[in-house]
Amino acid sequence: MKHEDSAAVSTPADGPIPTAAGVLPAPPLPETSGHAFFFDMDGTLVDYAERPELARADRALLRLLARLRERSGGALALVSGRSIMSLDALMHPEQLCASGLHGFEVRTSAGTIERHDPPQAHRLDELRALLSALATEFPGLYVEDKQYALAVHYRHAPEHAAAITERLEKVPWLEAAGLRLQRGHLVLELAPAAVNKASALAQFMRNPPFRGRLPVYVGDDLTDEPAFHWVNLARGLSVAVRPRAATAARYSVPSVSAVHAWVHAVLGDPA
């Protein structure tokens, strides 16, 4: 599927705010009745794991998100590089509104999943073969197959990051195949090119229960920057977790546990 507001995908001209970790102020406490809440997953709601499938959401987090969803009238969604299937496995038995694969798929409040036009299947197969060869050539790499996107994690082989990036940048047909190369925290991803996390927010905010509210977005990675920009233009709250470099976010918290504590504060729980 395609959407008419594709401009929401592009990054606005007002670039990132030069800031070092810890310089940005702590986020205020938004009213749950007038805001829509969006969260990245890994590095934001759960800590990074050795491999994505090893991450865990404990019962305390599930209860916390369920309470925020109830208090906000259902205006809560996960916006992740994971697939929606992966998010559901991580959050079981909870099933939230969600966007997966950096905006490629969106599950609405009605429970239906809408997907954009997929990248060319034969090109994804070629990339699978290339990434498999790179994993053999550079020990320590982990290739994650997300069906419509691919990722190569170099957490255990950071010394190979430049070489891997150079190889993938030389693939001449990425754009024509509907893909883009994007950098994340110790990962390179080959993701659908027509969308990003900003377009996912725009899609949510057009419809109830999100429509008419101010957006709040919390994320920790380079792939969250388009969402920060979009939220800033919408006069919402953009919150970076443990910012490592310049960011468009206006506020920051230092850790995953600090995100949980902030949500508790938003709900009015005692410190």
Protein backbone atom coordinates (compact mmCIF):
# COMPACT_ATOMS: atom_id res chain seq x y z
CA MET A 1 0.00 0.00 0.00
CA LYS A 2 1.03 3.61 -0.45
CA HIS A 3 0.06 6.76 1.41
CA GLU A 4 -0.42 10.24 0.07
CA ASP A 5 1.58 11.94 2.84
CA SER A 6 4.94 10.56 1.77
CA ALA A 7 6.48 13.91 2.70
CA ALA A 8 6.29 12.74 6.29
CA VAL A 9 9.12 10.34 5.47
CA SER A 10 11.64 13.03 4.68
CA THR A 11 13.73 14.74 7.32
CA PRO A 12 12.97 18.44 7.83
CA ALA A 13 15.61 21.06 7.21
CA ASP A 14 16.12 21.94 10.87
CA GLY A 15 18.98 19.56 11.63
CA PRO A 16 19.96 17.82 14.85
CA ILE A 17 20.68 19.87 17.93
CA PRO A 18 24.39 19.59 18.79
CA THR A 19 24.34 18.10 22.25
CA ALA A 20 26.34 15.70 24.33
CA ALA A 21 24.86 12.90 26.40
CA GLY A 22 23.43 14.27 29.61
CA VAL A 23 23.06 17.88 28.39
CA LEU A 24 19.42 17.69 27.31
CA PRO A 25 16.85 18.32 30.06
CA ALA A 26 14.70 15.59 31.55
CA PRO A 27 11.30 15.29 29.86
CA PRO A 28 8.24 16.88 31.47
CA LEU A 29 5.25 14.78 32.53
CA PRO A 30 2.58 14.99 29.81
CA GLU A 31 -1.10 14.64 30.58
CA THR A 32 -2.27 11.21 29.51
CA SER A 33 -5.61 12.56 28.31
CA GLY A 34 -4.11 14.83 25.65
CA HIS A 35 -1.06 12.94 24.41
CA ALA A 36 -0.33 9.90 22.26
CA PHE A 37 2.62 7.77 23.41
CA PHE A 38 5.06 6.05 21.06
CA PHE A 39 8.04 3.95 22.14
CA ASP A 40 10.93 2.29 20.37
CA MET A 41 11.64 -1.16 21.81
CA ASP A 42 15.29 -2.26 22.02
CA GLY A 43 17.43 0.17 24.01
CA THR A 44 14.29 2.06 25.06
CA LEU A 45 11.80 -0.27 26.78
CA VAL A 46 14.12 -3.27 27.04
CA ASP A 47 17.89 -3.45 27.21
CA TYR A 48 19.85 -4.66 24.21
CA ALA A 49 20.51 -8.40 24.24
CA GLU A 50 23.28 -10.42 22.64
CA ARG A 51 20.76 -11.24 19.90
CA PRO A 52 17.34 -9.67 19.33
CA GLU A 53 15.47 -12.90 20.08
CA LEU A 54 17.10 -13.04 23.53
CA ALA A 55 15.60 -9.73 24.71
CA ARG A 56 12.94 -9.98 27.41
CA ALA A 57 10.02 -7.83 28.53
CA ASP A 58 9.20 -8.68 32.13
CA ARG A 59 5.74 -8.67 33.67
CA ALA A 60 6.35 -5.34 35.39
CA LEU A 61 6.92 -3.66 32.01
CA LEU A 62 3.84 -5.31 30.50
CA ARG A 63 1.70 -4.08 33.39
CA LEU A 64 3.19 -0.59 33.13
CA LEU A 65 2.41 -0.30 29.42
CA ALA A 66 -1.07 -1.73 29.91
CA ARG A 67 -1.77 0.96 32.51
CA LEU A 68 -0.47 3.74 30.26
CA ARG A 69 -2.54 2.41 27.36
CA GLU A 70 -5.67 2.44 29.55
CA ARG A 71 -5.00 5.91 30.95
CA SER A 72 -4.32 7.35 27.49
CA GLY A 73 -7.49 5.91 25.99
CA GLY A 74 -5.54 3.40 23.92
CA ALA A 75 -3.21 6.01 22.38
CA LEU A 76 -0.04 3.97 22.83
CA ALA A 77 2.01 2.21 20.16
CA LEU A 78 5.36 0.51 19.71
CA VAL A 79 7.46 1.80 16.80
CA SER A 80 10.35 -0.56 16.12
CA GLY A 81 12.82 -1.97 13.65
CA ARG A 82 11.57 -5.40 14.71
CA SER A 83 8.72 -6.99 12.83
CA ILE A 84 5.28 -6.90 14.44
CA MET A 85 5.52 -10.68 14.84
CA SER A 86 8.76 -10.25 16.77
CA LEU A 87 7.22 -7.51 18.93
CA ASP A 88 4.27 -9.76 19.76
CA ALA A 89 6.59 -12.60 20.78
CA LEU A 90 8.54 -10.22 23.01
CA MET A 91 5.42 -8.67 24.58
CA HIS A 92 3.31 -11.84 24.93
CA PRO A 93 0.53 -12.01 25.99
CA GLU A 94 0.03 -8.25 25.42
CA GLN A 95 -0.69 -7.13 21.85
CA LEU A 96 -0.35 -3.39 21.31
CA CYS A 97 -0.76 -1.05 18.38
CA ALA A 98 2.57 -1.34 16.63
CA SER A 99 4.71 -0.39 13.67
CA GLY A 100 7.38 -2.84 12.55
CA LEU A 101 10.37 -2.77 10.22
CA HIS A 102 10.86 1.00 10.51
CA GLY A 103 7.37 1.95 9.31
CA PHE A 104 6.89 -0.80 6.71
CA GLU A 105 4.00 -2.42 8.60
CA VAL A 106 1.48 -0.89 11.00
CA ARG A 107 -1.11 -2.58 13.20
CA THR A 108 -3.95 -0.20 13.95
CA SER A 109 -6.26 -0.07 16.94
CA ALA A 110 -8.68 -2.24 14.92
CA GLY A 111 -6.06 -5.02 14.98
CA THR A 112 -5.47 -5.08 11.23
CA ILE A 113 -1.93 -4.99 9.83
CA GLU A 114 -1.27 -2.72 6.86
CA ARG A 115 1.92 -3.09 4.83
CA HIS A 116 3.54 -0.90 2.21
CA ASP A 117 4.78 -2.19 -1.12
CA PRO A 118 7.57 -4.71 -0.36
CA PRO A 119 11.13 -4.54 -1.71
CA GLN A 120 11.91 -6.76 -4.69
CA ALA A 121 12.00 -10.36 -3.46
CA HIS A 122 14.82 -11.51 -5.75
CA ARG A 123 17.00 -8.62 -4.60
CA LEU A 124 16.39 -9.57 -0.97
CA ASP A 125 17.53 -13.09 -1.85
CA GLU A 126 20.71 -11.68 -3.39
CA LEU A 127 21.33 -9.67 -0.23
CA ARG A 128 20.78 -12.75 1.94
CA ALA A 129 23.54 -14.49 0.00
CA LEU A 130 25.83 -11.45 0.31
CA LEU A 131 25.29 -11.13 4.06
CA SER A 132 25.86 -14.85 4.54
CA ALA A 133 29.18 -14.52 2.72
CA LEU A 134 30.14 -11.52 4.86
CA ALA A 135 29.33 -13.47 8.04
CA THR A 136 31.68 -16.22 6.87
CA GLU A 137 34.41 -13.74 5.95
CA PHE A 138 34.13 -11.68 9.14
CA PRO A 139 33.65 -13.88 12.23
CA GLY A 140 31.45 -12.42 14.93
CA LEU A 141 28.76 -11.02 12.65
CA TYR A 142 25.13 -11.99 13.15
CA VAL A 143 22.66 -11.74 10.27
CA GLU A 144 19.01 -11.14 11.18
CA ASP A 145 16.42 -11.99 8.52
CA LYS A 146 13.20 -9.99 8.99
CA GLN A 147 11.60 -11.22 5.72
CA TYR A 148 11.12 -7.73 4.24
CA ALA A 149 14.34 -6.32 5.72
CA LEU A 150 17.76 -7.64 6.66
CA ALA A 151 20.19 -6.63 9.38
CA VAL A 152 23.80 -7.44 10.10
CA HIS A 153 24.81 -6.98 13.75
CA TYR A 154 28.47 -6.37 14.52
CA ARG A 155 28.25 -6.04 18.32
CA HIS A 156 30.92 -8.75 18.66
CA ALA A 157 33.02 -7.57 15.72
CA PRO A 158 33.02 -3.75 15.73
CA GLU A 159 36.41 -3.70 14.04
CA HIS A 160 34.71 -4.91 10.85
CA ALA A 161 32.08 -2.15 10.72
CA ALA A 162 33.87 -0.02 8.11
CA ALA A 163 34.56 -2.96 5.79
CA ILE A 164 30.98 -4.21 5.98
CA THR A 165 29.59 -0.73 5.38
CA GLU A 166 31.83 -0.29 2.34
CA ARG A 167 30.67 -3.60 0.83
CA LEU A 168 27.00 -2.79 1.28
CA GLU A 169 27.38 0.77 0.01
CA LYS A 170 28.75 -0.66 -3.23
CA VAL A 171 25.54 -2.55 -4.00
CA PRO A 172 24.34 -0.50 -7.01
CA TRP A 173 20.66 -1.40 -7.15
CA LEU A 174 19.45 -0.85 -3.58
CA GLU A 175 17.28 2.17 -4.36
CA ALA A 176 15.80 0.58 -7.47
CA ALA A 177 14.93 -2.50 -5.41
CA GLY A 178 13.07 -0.38 -2.87
CA LEU A 179 15.71 -0.62 -0.17
CA ARG A 180 18.04 1.67 1.74
CA LEU A 181 21.10 1.08 3.88
CA GLN A 182 20.70 2.58 7.35
CA ARG A 183 22.93 2.61 10.39
CA GLY A 184 21.82 1.75 13.91
CA HIS A 185 23.46 0.90 17.21
CA LEU A 186 26.13 -1.67 16.23
CA VAL A 187 24.01 -2.75 13.28
CA LEU A 188 23.54 -2.05 9.58
CA GLU A 189 20.10 -2.59 8.11
CA LEU A 190 18.76 -3.00 4.61
CA ALA A 191 15.24 -1.67 5.10
CA PRO A 192 12.29 -0.66 2.89
CA ALA A 193 13.18 2.74 1.48
CA ALA A 194 9.78 4.41 1.13
CA VAL A 195 9.01 4.62 4.84
CA ASN A 196 10.58 5.28 8.22
CA LYS A 197 9.48 5.80 11.80
CA ALA A 198 8.22 9.30 11.02
CA SER A 199 5.83 7.96 8.38
CA ALA A 200 4.61 5.40 10.92
CA LEU A 201 3.80 8.18 13.39
CA ALA A 202 1.96 10.13 10.69
CA GLN A 203 -0.11 7.04 9.87
CA PHE A 204 -1.07 6.49 13.51
CA MET A 205 -1.86 10.14 14.16
CA ARG A 206 -4.39 10.33 11.32
CA ASN A 207 -6.69 7.90 13.11
CA PRO A 208 -8.31 7.39 16.51
CA PRO A 209 -7.40 6.97 19.30
CA PHE A 210 -4.27 8.96 18.36
CA ARG A 211 -5.87 11.70 16.24
CA GLY A 212 -6.14 15.12 17.87
CA ARG A 213 -3.50 14.43 20.52
CA LEU A 214 0.08 15.66 20.89
CA PRO A 215 2.65 12.96 20.10
CA VAL A 216 5.29 11.77 22.56
CA TYR A 217 8.12 9.69 21.09
CA VAL A 218 10.84 7.91 23.08
CA GLY A 219 13.75 6.22 21.28
CA ASP A 220 17.46 5.63 21.52
CA ASP A 221 18.96 5.14 18.06
CA LEU A 222 19.84 6.84 14.79
CA THR A 223 16.77 5.24 13.24
CA ASP A 224 14.62 7.23 15.70
CA GLU A 225 15.86 10.61 14.44
CA PRO A 226 13.16 11.00 11.72
CA ALA A 227 10.53 10.39 14.42
CA PHE A 228 12.14 13.01 16.69
CA HIS A 229 12.03 15.55 13.84
CA TRP A 230 8.40 14.75 13.04
CA VAL A 231 7.32 15.04 16.68
CA ASN A 232 9.12 18.37 17.05
CA LEU A 233 7.25 19.78 14.06
CA ALA A 234 4.00 18.50 15.58
CA ARG A 235 4.82 20.33 18.85
CA GLY A 236 5.08 17.08 20.77
CA LEU A 237 7.74 15.68 23.10
CA SER A 238 10.83 13.96 21.66
CA VAL A 239 12.86 11.99 24.20
CA ALA A 240 16.23 10.35 23.51
CA VAL A 241 17.46 7.53 25.70
CA ARG A 242 21.15 7.79 26.50
CA PRO A 243 21.97 10.01 23.47
CA ARG A 244 25.41 9.13 22.10
CA ALA A 245 25.77 12.02 19.67
CA ALA A 246 23.91 14.97 18.19
CA THR A 247 20.17 14.38 18.17
CA ALA A 248 16.96 16.13 17.19
CA ALA A 249 15.36 15.07 20.48
CA ARG A 250 14.52 17.91 22.87
CA TYR A 251 14.76 15.84 26.06
CA SER A 252 16.71 12.85 27.32
CA VAL A 253 16.79 10.12 29.95
CA PRO A 254 19.92 8.12 30.82
CA SER A 255 18.73 4.51 30.64
CA VAL A 256 15.98 1.98 30.00
CA SER A 257 15.19 1.92 33.71
CA ALA A 258 14.86 5.72 33.62
CA VAL A 259 12.24 5.35 30.84
CA HIS A 260 10.26 3.04 33.12
CA ALA A 261 10.60 5.47 36.03
CA TRP A 262 9.40 8.35 33.82
CA VAL A 263 6.31 6.37 32.75
CA HIS A 264 5.57 5.65 36.40
CA ALA A 265 5.81 9.40 37.07
CA VAL A 266 3.50 10.17 34.12
CA LEU A 267 0.97 7.81 35.75
CA GLY A 268 1.36 9.57 39.09
CA ASP A 269 2.94 6.63 40.89
CA PRO A 270 4.93 7.44 44.04
CA ALA A 271 8.69 7.63 43.50
